[in-house]
Amino acid sequence: MSTNKTNNVIIADSQYLIVEALKSLIRIDERYFLAGIADTQNDLYKLLDNTKNGLLITDFSNIDYDGLDGLKNIREKYPQISILILTNTITKTEFAGLTKVGIKNIIYKTADKEEIFNAFESTLKGKKYYSDEILDLFLDLSENKYTMEDPKHLTSSEIEIVKLIADGLTTKEIAARRNISYHTVNTHRKNIFKKVEVSNASELTMHAIKSGWIENIEYYI
């Protein structure tokens, strides 16, 4: 195995075109080394047994993971392996199941090169990463009971982000402060602006003051 590459990558997927596309992406970036490809759970375990650390890219829907128990077992048996789900589609039930077994990195196979590499990096750093559409699904699941009553309801995490925006922090600075990806913060911002019907940070700050989320004294000095 090459010692010049930083991160080992294992691909577990049975779709030929997806595998070939991922192989091409990995080979053009010196940060990654393709450690192996598997299209069955047995082959995957053999690769994992010989990989000390790295990234597993897989589609839970076309590899037999015994439901989601297989992914749970992989997380427990190989804690040094970071898991990124790359899928064509996902339901709310499947999303909830993946979250339950500790999978926090999911993107669609329609993602472009930049998003795929961003997902690689975030997953290896232990940060959550979701495609925009999947993050919307997550927000819908976590906030459903509130949005039925009040479509402008913000979660505690969103309010914390509002406070940081009001403090003048950039999206990049908020991501660092909250230990989440730039992509996730940007999606939160868009959802917050849409919920409270504002178009810029100044309007958001005024709305936050009126709503009692932040104190108004420091913003009027």
N, C-alpha and C. Protein backbone atom coordinates (compact mmCIF):
# COMPACT_ATOMS: atom_id res chain seq x y z
N MET A 1 0.85 -1.20 0.00
CA MET A 1 0.00 0.00 0.00
C MET A 1 0.88 1.25 0.00
N SER A 2 0.56 2.20 -0.78
CA SER A 2 1.39 3.40 -0.93
C SER A 2 1.46 4.17 0.37
N THR A 3 2.67 4.67 0.70
CA THR A 3 2.83 5.47 1.92
C THR A 3 2.72 6.96 1.62
N ASN A 4 2.60 7.30 0.34
CA ASN A 4 2.51 8.71 -0.03
C ASN A 4 1.10 9.26 0.09
N LYS A 5 0.13 8.36 0.19
CA LYS A 5 -1.25 8.78 0.26
C LYS A 5 -1.67 8.92 1.72
N THR A 6 -2.48 9.91 2.00
CA THR A 6 -2.86 10.18 3.38
C THR A 6 -4.01 9.32 3.86
N ASN A 7 -5.04 9.21 3.06
CA ASN A 7 -6.27 8.56 3.51
C ASN A 7 -6.63 7.36 2.63
N ASN A 8 -6.75 6.21 3.26
CA ASN A 8 -7.22 5.03 2.54
C ASN A 8 -8.71 5.15 2.28
N VAL A 9 -9.14 4.72 1.10
CA VAL A 9 -10.56 4.76 0.75
C VAL A 9 -11.01 3.38 0.26
N ILE A 10 -12.11 2.90 0.83
CA ILE A 10 -12.72 1.65 0.38
C ILE A 10 -14.07 1.99 -0.23
N ILE A 11 -14.34 1.45 -1.40
CA ILE A 11 -15.63 1.64 -2.06
C ILE A 11 -16.42 0.34 -1.94
N ALA A 12 -17.63 0.43 -1.40
CA ALA A 12 -18.51 -0.74 -1.31
C ALA A 12 -19.81 -0.40 -2.02
N ASP A 13 -19.90 -0.81 -3.28
CA ASP A 13 -21.06 -0.47 -4.10
C ASP A 13 -21.12 -1.46 -5.26
N SER A 14 -22.32 -1.81 -5.67
CA SER A 14 -22.46 -2.78 -6.76
C SER A 14 -22.79 -2.13 -8.10
N GLN A 15 -22.86 -0.78 -8.13
CA GLN A 15 -23.16 -0.09 -9.39
C GLN A 15 -21.85 0.26 -10.11
N TYR A 16 -21.64 -0.35 -11.25
CA TYR A 16 -20.38 -0.23 -11.99
C TYR A 16 -20.00 1.22 -12.29
N LEU A 17 -20.93 1.99 -12.83
CA LEU A 17 -20.62 3.36 -13.23
C LEU A 17 -20.24 4.22 -12.03
N ILE A 18 -20.92 4.02 -10.91
CA ILE A 18 -20.60 4.77 -9.69
C ILE A 18 -19.20 4.42 -9.21
N VAL A 19 -18.90 3.14 -9.19
CA VAL A 19 -17.57 2.69 -8.76
C VAL A 19 -16.48 3.28 -9.65
N GLU A 20 -16.68 3.25 -10.95
CA GLU A 20 -15.68 3.79 -11.88
C GLU A 20 -15.51 5.29 -11.70
N ALA A 21 -16.61 5.99 -11.47
CA ALA A 21 -16.53 7.44 -11.26
C ALA A 21 -15.76 7.77 -9.99
N LEU A 22 -16.03 7.03 -8.92
CA LEU A 22 -15.33 7.25 -7.66
C LEU A 22 -13.84 6.92 -7.79
N LYS A 23 -13.53 5.85 -8.49
CA LYS A 23 -12.13 5.48 -8.72
C LYS A 23 -11.39 6.61 -9.42
N SER A 24 -12.02 7.20 -10.41
CA SER A 24 -11.39 8.29 -11.16
C SER A 24 -11.15 9.51 -10.27
N LEU A 25 -12.13 9.84 -9.44
CA LEU A 25 -11.99 10.99 -8.54
C LEU A 25 -10.86 10.76 -7.54
N ILE A 26 -10.82 9.58 -6.96
CA ILE A 26 -9.83 9.27 -5.94
C ILE A 26 -8.41 9.31 -6.53
N ARG A 27 -8.27 8.84 -7.74
CA ARG A 27 -6.93 8.76 -8.35
C ARG A 27 -6.36 10.11 -8.76
N ILE A 28 -7.21 11.12 -8.89
CA ILE A 28 -6.69 12.44 -9.27
C ILE A 28 -6.36 13.31 -8.06
N ASP A 29 -6.63 12.80 -6.86
CA ASP A 29 -6.37 13.59 -5.66
C ASP A 29 -5.35 12.86 -4.78
N GLU A 30 -4.20 13.47 -4.56
CA GLU A 30 -3.11 12.83 -3.83
C GLU A 30 -3.42 12.59 -2.36
N ARG A 31 -4.49 13.19 -1.86
CA ARG A 31 -4.84 12.99 -0.45
C ARG A 31 -5.45 11.61 -0.20
N TYR A 32 -5.83 10.92 -1.26
CA TYR A 32 -6.56 9.66 -1.11
C TYR A 32 -5.90 8.51 -1.85
N PHE A 33 -6.01 7.33 -1.25
CA PHE A 33 -5.49 6.11 -1.86
C PHE A 33 -6.60 5.07 -1.89
N LEU A 34 -6.87 4.50 -3.05
CA LEU A 34 -7.92 3.49 -3.18
C LEU A 34 -7.42 2.16 -2.61
N ALA A 35 -7.93 1.81 -1.43
CA ALA A 35 -7.49 0.60 -0.73
C ALA A 35 -8.19 -0.65 -1.22
N GLY A 36 -9.36 -0.48 -1.85
CA GLY A 36 -10.05 -1.65 -2.36
C GLY A 36 -11.50 -1.39 -2.71
N ILE A 37 -12.09 -2.34 -3.42
CA ILE A 37 -13.49 -2.24 -3.86
C ILE A 37 -14.20 -3.53 -3.49
N ALA A 38 -15.41 -3.41 -2.96
CA ALA A 38 -16.20 -4.58 -2.59
C ALA A 38 -17.62 -4.42 -3.07
N ASP A 39 -18.23 -5.53 -3.49
CA ASP A 39 -19.64 -5.47 -3.87
C ASP A 39 -20.49 -6.45 -3.06
N THR A 40 -19.86 -7.06 -2.04
CA THR A 40 -20.59 -7.89 -1.08
C THR A 40 -20.09 -7.57 0.32
N GLN A 41 -20.90 -7.91 1.31
CA GLN A 41 -20.51 -7.63 2.69
C GLN A 41 -19.29 -8.46 3.09
N ASN A 42 -19.20 -9.70 2.63
CA ASN A 42 -18.05 -10.55 2.97
C ASN A 42 -16.75 -9.97 2.43
N ASP A 43 -16.77 -9.52 1.17
CA ASP A 43 -15.58 -8.90 0.59
C ASP A 43 -15.20 -7.63 1.33
N LEU A 44 -16.21 -6.90 1.76
CA LEU A 44 -15.96 -5.65 2.48
C LEU A 44 -15.25 -5.92 3.80
N TYR A 45 -15.70 -6.93 4.54
CA TYR A 45 -15.06 -7.24 5.82
C TYR A 45 -13.60 -7.64 5.63
N LYS A 46 -13.30 -8.33 4.55
CA LYS A 46 -11.91 -8.71 4.27
C LYS A 46 -11.05 -7.46 4.07
N LEU A 47 -11.59 -6.49 3.35
CA LEU A 47 -10.86 -5.24 3.13
C LEU A 47 -10.68 -4.47 4.44
N LEU A 48 -11.75 -4.41 5.22
CA LEU A 48 -11.69 -3.67 6.49
C LEU A 48 -10.69 -4.29 7.45
N ASP A 49 -10.59 -5.61 7.44
CA ASP A 49 -9.63 -6.29 8.32
C ASP A 49 -8.19 -5.90 8.00
N ASN A 50 -7.95 -5.47 6.76
CA ASN A 50 -6.59 -5.12 6.33
C ASN A 50 -6.37 -3.62 6.17
N THR A 51 -7.32 -2.84 6.66
CA THR A 51 -7.22 -1.38 6.55
C THR A 51 -7.23 -0.77 7.94
N LYS A 52 -6.13 -0.14 8.32
CA LYS A 52 -6.00 0.38 9.68
C LYS A 52 -6.88 1.60 9.93
N ASN A 53 -7.02 2.43 8.91
CA ASN A 53 -7.86 3.62 9.07
C ASN A 53 -8.23 4.14 7.69
N GLY A 54 -9.22 5.02 7.65
CA GLY A 54 -9.60 5.59 6.36
C GLY A 54 -11.09 5.80 6.22
N LEU A 55 -11.53 5.82 4.97
CA LEU A 55 -12.90 6.18 4.63
C LEU A 55 -13.59 5.05 3.87
N LEU A 56 -14.79 4.70 4.32
CA LEU A 56 -15.63 3.73 3.61
C LEU A 56 -16.76 4.49 2.93
N ILE A 57 -16.82 4.37 1.60
CA ILE A 57 -17.90 4.98 0.82
C ILE A 57 -18.82 3.85 0.38
N THR A 58 -20.08 3.91 0.77
CA THR A 58 -20.96 2.80 0.47
C THR A 58 -22.40 3.24 0.27
N ASP A 59 -23.16 2.38 -0.40
CA ASP A 59 -24.60 2.59 -0.58
C ASP A 59 -25.31 1.47 0.17
N PHE A 60 -25.99 1.84 1.24
CA PHE A 60 -26.65 0.83 2.08
C PHE A 60 -27.73 0.07 1.33
N SER A 61 -28.20 0.62 0.21
CA SER A 61 -29.33 0.02 -0.49
C SER A 61 -28.93 -1.07 -1.49
N ASN A 62 -27.65 -1.14 -1.88
CA ASN A 62 -27.28 -2.20 -2.83
C ASN A 62 -26.16 -3.11 -2.33
N ILE A 63 -25.85 -3.00 -1.05
CA ILE A 63 -24.98 -3.96 -0.38
C ILE A 63 -25.81 -4.59 0.73
N ASP A 64 -25.75 -5.92 0.88
CA ASP A 64 -26.55 -6.59 1.90
C ASP A 64 -25.95 -6.35 3.28
N TYR A 65 -26.52 -5.38 3.99
CA TYR A 65 -26.04 -5.05 5.33
C TYR A 65 -26.94 -5.63 6.42
N ASP A 66 -27.73 -6.65 6.09
CA ASP A 66 -28.65 -7.24 7.08
C ASP A 66 -29.51 -6.15 7.70
N GLY A 67 -30.23 -5.44 6.83
CA GLY A 67 -30.93 -4.25 7.31
C GLY A 67 -29.88 -3.18 7.50
N LEU A 68 -29.82 -2.62 8.70
CA LEU A 68 -28.76 -1.67 9.00
C LEU A 68 -27.82 -2.22 10.07
N ASP A 69 -28.07 -3.45 10.50
CA ASP A 69 -27.24 -4.06 11.53
C ASP A 69 -25.79 -4.19 11.07
N GLY A 70 -25.61 -4.46 9.76
CA GLY A 70 -24.26 -4.59 9.24
C GLY A 70 -23.45 -3.32 9.38
N LEU A 71 -24.07 -2.18 9.10
CA LEU A 71 -23.38 -0.90 9.25
C LEU A 71 -23.07 -0.61 10.71
N LYS A 72 -24.01 -0.97 11.58
CA LYS A 72 -23.79 -0.80 13.02
C LYS A 72 -22.60 -1.63 13.47
N ASN A 73 -22.52 -2.86 12.98
CA ASN A 73 -21.41 -3.74 13.34
C ASN A 73 -20.08 -3.20 12.84
N ILE A 74 -20.09 -2.63 11.64
CA ILE A 74 -18.86 -2.04 11.09
C ILE A 74 -18.39 -0.88 11.95
N ARG A 75 -19.31 -0.04 12.36
CA ARG A 75 -18.94 1.10 13.21
C ARG A 75 -18.34 0.63 14.53
N GLU A 76 -18.90 -0.45 15.08
CA GLU A 76 -18.43 -0.95 16.37
C GLU A 76 -17.11 -1.72 16.25
N LYS A 77 -16.99 -2.51 15.19
CA LYS A 77 -15.80 -3.35 15.02
C LYS A 77 -14.62 -2.59 14.43
N TYR A 78 -14.91 -1.57 13.61
CA TYR A 78 -13.85 -0.81 12.95
C TYR A 78 -14.03 0.69 13.23
N PRO A 79 -13.86 1.11 14.48
CA PRO A 79 -14.09 2.52 14.83
C PRO A 79 -13.14 3.49 14.13
N GLN A 80 -12.04 2.94 13.60
CA GLN A 80 -11.06 3.79 12.90
C GLN A 80 -11.50 4.10 11.47
N ILE A 81 -12.59 3.50 11.02
CA ILE A 81 -13.09 3.72 9.66
C ILE A 81 -14.26 4.70 9.69
N SER A 82 -14.14 5.77 8.93
CA SER A 82 -15.22 6.75 8.80
C SER A 82 -16.14 6.32 7.66
N ILE A 83 -17.45 6.46 7.85
CA ILE A 83 -18.41 5.96 6.86
C ILE A 83 -19.17 7.10 6.20
N LEU A 84 -19.15 7.10 4.87
CA LEU A 84 -19.93 8.06 4.07
C LEU A 84 -20.92 7.27 3.22
N ILE A 85 -22.20 7.59 3.37
CA ILE A 85 -23.23 6.95 2.56
C ILE A 85 -23.42 7.75 1.28
N LEU A 86 -23.32 7.07 0.15
CA LEU A 86 -23.54 7.67 -1.16
C LEU A 86 -24.71 6.92 -1.80
N THR A 87 -25.84 7.57 -1.96
CA THR A 87 -27.05 6.85 -2.35
C THR A 87 -27.84 7.58 -3.43
N ASN A 88 -28.67 6.82 -4.13
CA ASN A 88 -29.55 7.41 -5.14
C ASN A 88 -30.78 8.06 -4.52
N THR A 89 -31.27 7.45 -3.46
CA THR A 89 -32.49 7.93 -2.82
C THR A 89 -32.52 7.47 -1.38
N ILE A 90 -33.29 8.17 -0.56
CA ILE A 90 -33.40 7.80 0.84
C ILE A 90 -34.74 8.29 1.38
N THR A 91 -35.38 7.46 2.17
CA THR A 91 -36.66 7.83 2.78
C THR A 91 -36.42 8.36 4.19
N LYS A 92 -37.44 8.97 4.76
CA LYS A 92 -37.32 9.46 6.13
C LYS A 92 -37.04 8.31 7.09
N THR A 93 -37.68 7.17 6.86
CA THR A 93 -37.47 6.01 7.72
C THR A 93 -36.03 5.51 7.63
N GLU A 94 -35.50 5.46 6.41
CA GLU A 94 -34.12 5.03 6.22
C GLU A 94 -33.15 6.02 6.85
N PHE A 95 -33.44 7.30 6.69
CA PHE A 95 -32.59 8.33 7.29
C PHE A 95 -32.56 8.18 8.80
N ALA A 96 -33.74 8.00 9.39
CA ALA A 96 -33.83 7.83 10.84
C ALA A 96 -33.06 6.60 11.29
N GLY A 97 -33.14 5.51 10.50
CA GLY A 97 -32.42 4.29 10.84
C GLY A 97 -30.92 4.47 10.78
N LEU A 98 -30.44 5.15 9.75
CA LEU A 98 -29.00 5.41 9.62
C LEU A 98 -28.51 6.28 10.77
N THR A 99 -29.29 7.29 11.11
CA THR A 99 -28.92 8.16 12.22
C THR A 99 -28.85 7.38 13.52
N LYS A 100 -29.78 6.46 13.70
CA LYS A 100 -29.83 5.65 14.92
C LYS A 100 -28.58 4.80 15.10
N VAL A 101 -28.01 4.31 13.99
CA VAL A 101 -26.79 3.49 14.11
C VAL A 101 -25.52 4.34 14.03
N GLY A 102 -25.69 5.66 14.04
CA GLY A 102 -24.54 6.56 14.12
C GLY A 102 -23.97 7.05 12.82
N ILE A 103 -24.71 6.87 11.71
CA ILE A 103 -24.24 7.37 10.41
C ILE A 103 -24.67 8.82 10.27
N LYS A 104 -23.70 9.72 10.12
CA LYS A 104 -24.00 11.15 10.08
C LYS A 104 -23.44 11.83 8.83
N ASN A 105 -23.15 11.04 7.82
CA ASN A 105 -22.60 11.59 6.58
C ASN A 105 -23.28 10.90 5.40
N ILE A 106 -24.17 11.64 4.72
CA ILE A 106 -24.96 11.06 3.64
C ILE A 106 -25.07 12.06 2.50
N ILE A 107 -24.74 11.64 1.29
CA ILE A 107 -24.92 12.50 0.12
C ILE A 107 -25.54 11.69 -1.01
N TYR A 108 -26.11 12.41 -1.96
CA TYR A 108 -26.69 11.75 -3.12
C TYR A 108 -25.63 11.49 -4.19
N LYS A 109 -25.89 10.48 -5.03
CA LYS A 109 -24.97 10.15 -6.11
C LYS A 109 -24.97 11.20 -7.21
N THR A 110 -25.87 12.14 -7.14
CA THR A 110 -25.91 13.24 -8.10
C THR A 110 -24.99 14.40 -7.69
N ALA A 111 -24.32 14.27 -6.54
CA ALA A 111 -23.43 15.33 -6.05
C ALA A 111 -22.31 15.59 -7.06
N ASP A 112 -21.89 16.86 -7.14
CA ASP A 112 -20.78 17.19 -8.04
C ASP A 112 -19.44 16.91 -7.35
N LYS A 113 -18.35 17.09 -8.10
CA LYS A 113 -17.03 16.76 -7.58
C LYS A 113 -16.69 17.53 -6.31
N GLU A 114 -17.01 18.81 -6.29
CA GLU A 114 -16.69 19.63 -5.13
C GLU A 114 -17.41 19.13 -3.88
N GLU A 115 -18.69 18.82 -4.03
CA GLU A 115 -19.45 18.34 -2.87
C GLU A 115 -18.94 16.99 -2.40
N ILE A 116 -18.58 16.12 -3.34
CA ILE A 116 -18.06 14.81 -2.96
C ILE A 116 -16.77 14.94 -2.16
N PHE A 117 -15.85 15.78 -2.61
CA PHE A 117 -14.60 15.96 -1.87
C PHE A 117 -14.83 16.66 -0.53
N ASN A 118 -15.78 17.59 -0.49
CA ASN A 118 -16.13 18.21 0.79
C ASN A 118 -16.67 17.17 1.76
N ALA A 119 -17.47 16.25 1.23
CA ALA A 119 -18.02 15.18 2.07
C ALA A 119 -16.92 14.26 2.56
N PHE A 120 -15.96 13.93 1.69
CA PHE A 120 -14.81 13.10 2.09
C PHE A 120 -14.11 13.75 3.29
N GLU A 121 -13.77 15.03 3.12
CA GLU A 121 -12.99 15.74 4.13
C GLU A 121 -13.74 15.84 5.45
N SER A 122 -15.01 16.21 5.40
CA SER A 122 -15.81 16.34 6.62
C SER A 122 -15.95 15.01 7.34
N THR A 123 -16.21 13.95 6.57
CA THR A 123 -16.39 12.62 7.16
C THR A 123 -15.12 12.17 7.87
N LEU A 124 -13.98 12.36 7.24
CA LEU A 124 -12.71 11.95 7.84
C LEU A 124 -12.36 12.77 9.08
N LYS A 125 -12.86 14.00 9.14
CA LYS A 125 -12.61 14.86 10.30
C LYS A 125 -13.62 14.62 11.42
N GLY A 126 -14.59 13.73 11.16
CA GLY A 126 -15.59 13.45 12.19
C GLY A 126 -16.72 14.45 12.24
N LYS A 127 -16.84 15.26 11.19
CA LYS A 127 -17.92 16.25 11.12
C LYS A 127 -19.10 15.69 10.33
N LYS A 128 -20.29 16.14 10.66
CA LYS A 128 -21.48 15.72 9.93
C LYS A 128 -21.48 16.35 8.54
N TYR A 129 -22.02 15.62 7.57
CA TYR A 129 -22.16 16.19 6.23
C TYR A 129 -23.34 15.54 5.53
N TYR A 130 -24.25 16.40 5.05
CA TYR A 130 -25.42 15.93 4.31
C TYR A 130 -25.60 16.77 3.05
N SER A 131 -26.08 16.16 1.98
CA SER A 131 -26.52 16.93 0.82
C SER A 131 -27.64 17.85 1.27
N ASP A 132 -27.81 18.98 0.57
CA ASP A 132 -28.86 19.94 0.94
C ASP A 132 -30.21 19.27 1.09
N GLU A 133 -30.59 18.44 0.12
CA GLU A 133 -31.90 17.80 0.15
C GLU A 133 -32.04 16.85 1.33
N ILE A 134 -30.94 16.20 1.68
CA ILE A 134 -30.97 15.27 2.81
C ILE A 134 -31.02 16.05 4.12
N LEU A 135 -30.32 17.17 4.18
CA LEU A 135 -30.38 18.01 5.38
C LEU A 135 -31.79 18.53 5.58
N ASP A 136 -32.47 18.88 4.50
CA ASP A 136 -33.87 19.30 4.61
C ASP A 136 -34.72 18.18 5.18
N LEU A 137 -34.43 16.95 4.79
CA LEU A 137 -35.16 15.79 5.30
C LEU A 137 -34.92 15.65 6.80
N PHE A 138 -33.68 15.85 7.21
CA PHE A 138 -33.33 15.79 8.63
C PHE A 138 -34.06 16.87 9.42
N LEU A 139 -34.04 18.08 8.90
CA LEU A 139 -34.71 19.18 9.58
C LEU A 139 -36.21 18.93 9.67
N ASP A 140 -36.76 18.36 8.60
CA ASP A 140 -38.19 18.04 8.59
C ASP A 140 -38.52 17.02 9.67
N LEU A 141 -37.66 16.03 9.84
CA LEU A 141 -37.89 15.00 10.85
C LEU A 141 -37.79 15.58 12.25
N SER A 142 -36.76 16.39 12.49
CA SER A 142 -36.50 16.89 13.84
C SER A 142 -37.44 18.00 14.26
N GLU A 143 -38.05 18.67 13.29
CA GLU A 143 -38.87 19.83 13.63
C GLU A 143 -40.35 19.65 13.29
N ASN A 144 -40.73 18.48 12.84
CA ASN A 144 -42.08 18.27 12.34
C ASN A 144 -43.15 18.69 13.35
N LYS A 145 -42.97 18.33 14.61
CA LYS A 145 -44.00 18.65 15.60
C LYS A 145 -44.12 20.15 15.84
N TYR A 146 -43.04 20.90 15.56
CA TYR A 146 -43.10 22.34 15.74
C TYR A 146 -43.66 23.06 14.52
N THR A 147 -43.24 22.62 13.34
CA THR A 147 -43.66 23.33 12.13
C THR A 147 -45.15 23.19 11.88
N MET A 148 -45.76 22.13 12.42
CA MET A 148 -47.21 21.99 12.28
C MET A 148 -47.92 23.09 13.06
N GLU A 149 -47.29 23.52 14.17
CA GLU A 149 -47.89 24.56 15.00
C GLU A 149 -47.44 25.95 14.58
N ASP A 150 -46.17 26.07 14.23
CA ASP A 150 -45.60 27.38 13.91
C ASP A 150 -44.54 27.21 12.84
N PRO A 151 -44.84 27.57 11.60
CA PRO A 151 -43.89 27.39 10.51
C PRO A 151 -42.62 28.22 10.66
N LYS A 152 -42.61 29.20 11.58
CA LYS A 152 -41.44 30.03 11.78
C LYS A 152 -40.58 29.55 12.95
N HIS A 153 -40.95 28.42 13.56
CA HIS A 153 -40.21 27.93 14.71
C HIS A 153 -38.77 27.61 14.34
N LEU A 154 -37.83 28.07 15.18
CA LEU A 154 -36.43 27.73 15.00
C LEU A 154 -36.00 26.78 16.10
N THR A 155 -35.14 25.83 15.76
CA THR A 155 -34.59 24.92 16.75
C THR A 155 -33.55 25.67 17.58
N SER A 156 -33.12 25.06 18.69
CA SER A 156 -32.10 25.69 19.53
C SER A 156 -30.79 25.86 18.77
N SER A 157 -30.47 24.91 17.90
CA SER A 157 -29.24 25.03 17.10
C SER A 157 -29.33 26.20 16.13
N GLU A 158 -30.50 26.37 15.52
CA GLU A 158 -30.69 27.48 14.58
C GLU A 158 -30.60 28.82 15.30
N ILE A 159 -31.15 28.89 16.51
CA ILE A 159 -31.08 30.14 17.27
C ILE A 159 -29.63 30.46 17.63
N GLU A 160 -28.84 29.44 17.95
CA GLU A 160 -27.43 29.67 18.23
C GLU A 160 -26.72 30.23 17.00
N ILE A 161 -27.08 29.72 15.84
CA ILE A 161 -26.48 30.23 14.60
C ILE A 161 -26.93 31.66 14.33
N VAL A 162 -28.20 31.96 14.63
CA VAL A 162 -28.70 33.34 14.50
C VAL A 162 -27.86 34.28 15.36
N LYS A 163 -27.56 33.88 16.58
CA LYS A 163 -26.77 34.71 17.48
C LYS A 163 -25.38 34.98 16.91
N LEU A 164 -24.79 33.96 16.32
CA LEU A 164 -23.45 34.13 15.74
C LEU A 164 -23.49 35.01 14.50
N ILE A 165 -24.55 34.89 13.71
CA ILE A 165 -24.72 35.77 12.55
C ILE A 165 -24.86 37.21 13.03
N ALA A 166 -25.66 37.40 14.08
CA ALA A 166 -25.86 38.74 14.63
C ALA A 166 -24.56 39.31 15.18
N ASP A 167 -23.67 38.44 15.65
CA ASP A 167 -22.37 38.88 16.16
C ASP A 167 -21.40 39.24 15.04
N GLY A 168 -21.84 39.02 13.79
CA GLY A 168 -21.02 39.40 12.66
C GLY A 168 -20.10 38.31 12.14
N LEU A 169 -20.24 37.08 12.62
CA LEU A 169 -19.38 36.00 12.16
C LEU A 169 -19.77 35.57 10.74
N THR A 170 -18.78 35.22 9.96
CA THR A 170 -19.02 34.71 8.61
C THR A 170 -19.44 33.24 8.68
N THR A 171 -19.91 32.73 7.56
CA THR A 171 -20.30 31.32 7.52
C THR A 171 -19.12 30.42 7.88
N LYS A 172 -17.94 30.74 7.37
CA LYS A 172 -16.74 29.96 7.67
C LYS A 172 -16.40 30.00 9.15
N GLU A 173 -16.53 31.17 9.76
CA GLU A 173 -16.23 31.32 11.18
C GLU A 173 -17.24 30.57 12.05
N ILE A 174 -18.51 30.60 11.62
CA ILE A 174 -19.55 29.87 12.35
C ILE A 174 -19.28 28.37 12.29
N ALA A 175 -18.89 27.90 11.11
CA ALA A 175 -18.59 26.47 10.95
C ALA A 175 -17.48 26.04 11.90
N ALA A 176 -16.44 26.87 12.01
CA ALA A 176 -15.33 26.56 12.91
C ALA A 176 -15.77 26.60 14.37
N ARG A 177 -16.56 27.60 14.71
CA ARG A 177 -17.05 27.75 16.09
C ARG A 177 -17.94 26.59 16.51
N ARG A 178 -18.80 26.14 15.58
CA ARG A 178 -19.76 25.07 15.89
C ARG A 178 -19.23 23.67 15.57
N ASN A 179 -18.02 23.62 14.99
CA ASN A 179 -17.41 22.34 14.61
C ASN A 179 -18.29 21.55 13.65
N ILE A 180 -18.84 22.25 12.66
CA ILE A 180 -19.62 21.62 11.60
C ILE A 180 -19.10 22.14 10.27
N SER A 181 -19.56 21.56 9.18
CA SER A 181 -19.04 21.96 7.87
C SER A 181 -19.62 23.29 7.40
N TYR A 182 -18.88 23.96 6.52
CA TYR A 182 -19.34 25.19 5.89
C TYR A 182 -20.67 24.94 5.19
N HIS A 183 -20.75 23.82 4.51
CA HIS A 183 -21.95 23.44 3.76
C HIS A 183 -23.18 23.37 4.69
N THR A 184 -23.00 22.77 5.87
CA THR A 184 -24.11 22.63 6.82
C THR A 184 -24.57 23.99 7.33
N VAL A 185 -23.61 24.86 7.66
CA VAL A 185 -23.97 26.21 8.13
C VAL A 185 -24.71 26.97 7.04
N ASN A 186 -24.25 26.87 5.82
CA ASN A 186 -24.89 27.58 4.71
C ASN A 186 -26.33 27.12 4.52
N THR A 187 -26.56 25.81 4.66
CA THR A 187 -27.92 25.29 4.55
C THR A 187 -28.79 25.78 5.69
N HIS A 188 -28.24 25.80 6.90
CA HIS A 188 -28.97 26.34 8.05
C HIS A 188 -29.35 27.80 7.80
N ARG A 189 -28.40 28.59 7.29
CA ARG A 189 -28.67 30.00 7.02
C ARG A 189 -29.86 30.16 6.07
N LYS A 190 -29.83 29.39 4.98
CA LYS A 190 -30.92 29.49 4.00
C LYS A 190 -32.26 29.12 4.62
N ASN A 191 -32.26 28.07 5.44
CA ASN A 191 -33.51 27.66 6.08
C ASN A 191 -34.00 28.69 7.08
N ILE A 192 -33.07 29.29 7.83
CA ILE A 192 -33.44 30.31 8.82
C ILE A 192 -34.03 31.53 8.12
N PHE A 193 -33.35 32.01 7.08
CA PHE A 193 -33.84 33.18 6.35
C PHE A 193 -35.23 32.92 5.77
N LYS A 194 -35.44 31.71 5.28
CA LYS A 194 -36.74 31.36 4.70
C LYS A 194 -37.82 31.31 5.77
N LYS A 195 -37.49 30.72 6.91
CA LYS A 195 -38.47 30.57 7.98
C LYS A 195 -38.95 31.92 8.52
N VAL A 196 -38.01 32.82 8.77
CA VAL A 196 -38.39 34.10 9.39
C VAL A 196 -38.63 35.19 8.36
N GLU A 197 -38.52 34.82 7.08
CA GLU A 197 -38.86 35.72 5.98
C GLU A 197 -38.04 37.01 5.98
N VAL A 198 -36.70 36.83 6.03
CA VAL A 198 -35.79 37.97 5.93
C VAL A 198 -34.84 37.70 4.77
N SER A 199 -34.15 38.75 4.33
CA SER A 199 -33.27 38.60 3.17
C SER A 199 -31.81 38.92 3.46
N ASN A 200 -31.50 39.41 4.67
CA ASN A 200 -30.11 39.70 4.99
C ASN A 200 -29.88 39.62 6.50
N ALA A 201 -28.60 39.72 6.90
CA ALA A 201 -28.23 39.56 8.30
C ALA A 201 -28.80 40.66 9.19
N SER A 202 -28.89 41.88 8.67
CA SER A 202 -29.43 42.99 9.46
C SER A 202 -30.89 42.75 9.81
N GLU A 203 -31.67 42.33 8.82
CA GLU A 203 -33.08 42.03 9.06
C GLU A 203 -33.22 40.87 10.03
N LEU A 204 -32.34 39.88 9.90
CA LEU A 204 -32.38 38.74 10.80
C LEU A 204 -32.08 39.17 12.23
N THR A 205 -31.08 40.05 12.40
CA THR A 205 -30.73 40.54 13.73
C THR A 205 -31.90 41.28 14.37
N MET A 206 -32.57 42.14 13.61
CA MET A 206 -33.73 42.86 14.13
C MET A 206 -34.83 41.89 14.53
N HIS A 207 -35.06 40.88 13.72
CA HIS A 207 -36.08 39.88 14.03
C HIS A 207 -35.70 39.13 15.31
N ALA A 208 -34.41 38.82 15.47
CA ALA A 208 -33.94 38.09 16.65
C ALA A 208 -34.13 38.92 17.91
N ILE A 209 -33.88 40.23 17.81
CA ILE A 209 -34.07 41.12 18.96
C ILE A 209 -35.54 41.17 19.35
N LYS A 210 -36.41 41.36 18.35
CA LYS A 210 -37.85 41.43 18.61
C LYS A 210 -38.39 40.12 19.18
N SER A 211 -37.77 39.02 18.78
CA SER A 211 -38.23 37.70 19.25
C SER A 211 -37.64 37.33 20.60
N GLY A 212 -36.69 38.15 21.09
CA GLY A 212 -36.09 37.88 22.39
C GLY A 212 -34.99 36.85 22.37
N TRP A 213 -34.49 36.51 21.18
CA TRP A 213 -33.43 35.51 21.10
C TRP A 213 -32.08 36.09 21.52
N ILE A 214 -31.91 37.41 21.34
CA ILE A 214 -30.68 38.07 21.74
C ILE A 214 -31.03 39.38 22.44
N GLU A 215 -30.10 39.86 23.28
CA GLU A 215 -30.30 41.13 23.96
C GLU A 215 -30.10 42.27 22.97
N ASN A 216 -30.86 43.34 23.13
CA ASN A 216 -30.78 44.41 22.15
C ASN A 216 -29.77 45.49 22.48
N ILE A 217 -29.28 45.56 23.71
CA ILE A 217 -28.41 46.66 24.13
C ILE A 217 -27.16 46.76 23.26
N GLU A 218 -26.44 45.63 23.10
CA GLU A 218 -25.16 45.69 22.38
C GLU A 218 -25.33 45.99 20.91
N TYR A 219 -26.53 45.80 20.37
CA TYR A 219 -26.76 46.03 18.95
C TYR A 219 -27.21 47.45 18.64
N TYR A 220 -27.44 48.22 19.69
CA TYR A 220 -27.85 49.60 19.48
C TYR A 220 -26.77 50.59 19.90
N ILE A 221 -25.63 50.06 20.36
CA ILE A 221 -24.54 50.95 20.78
C ILE A 221 -23.85 51.56 19.56
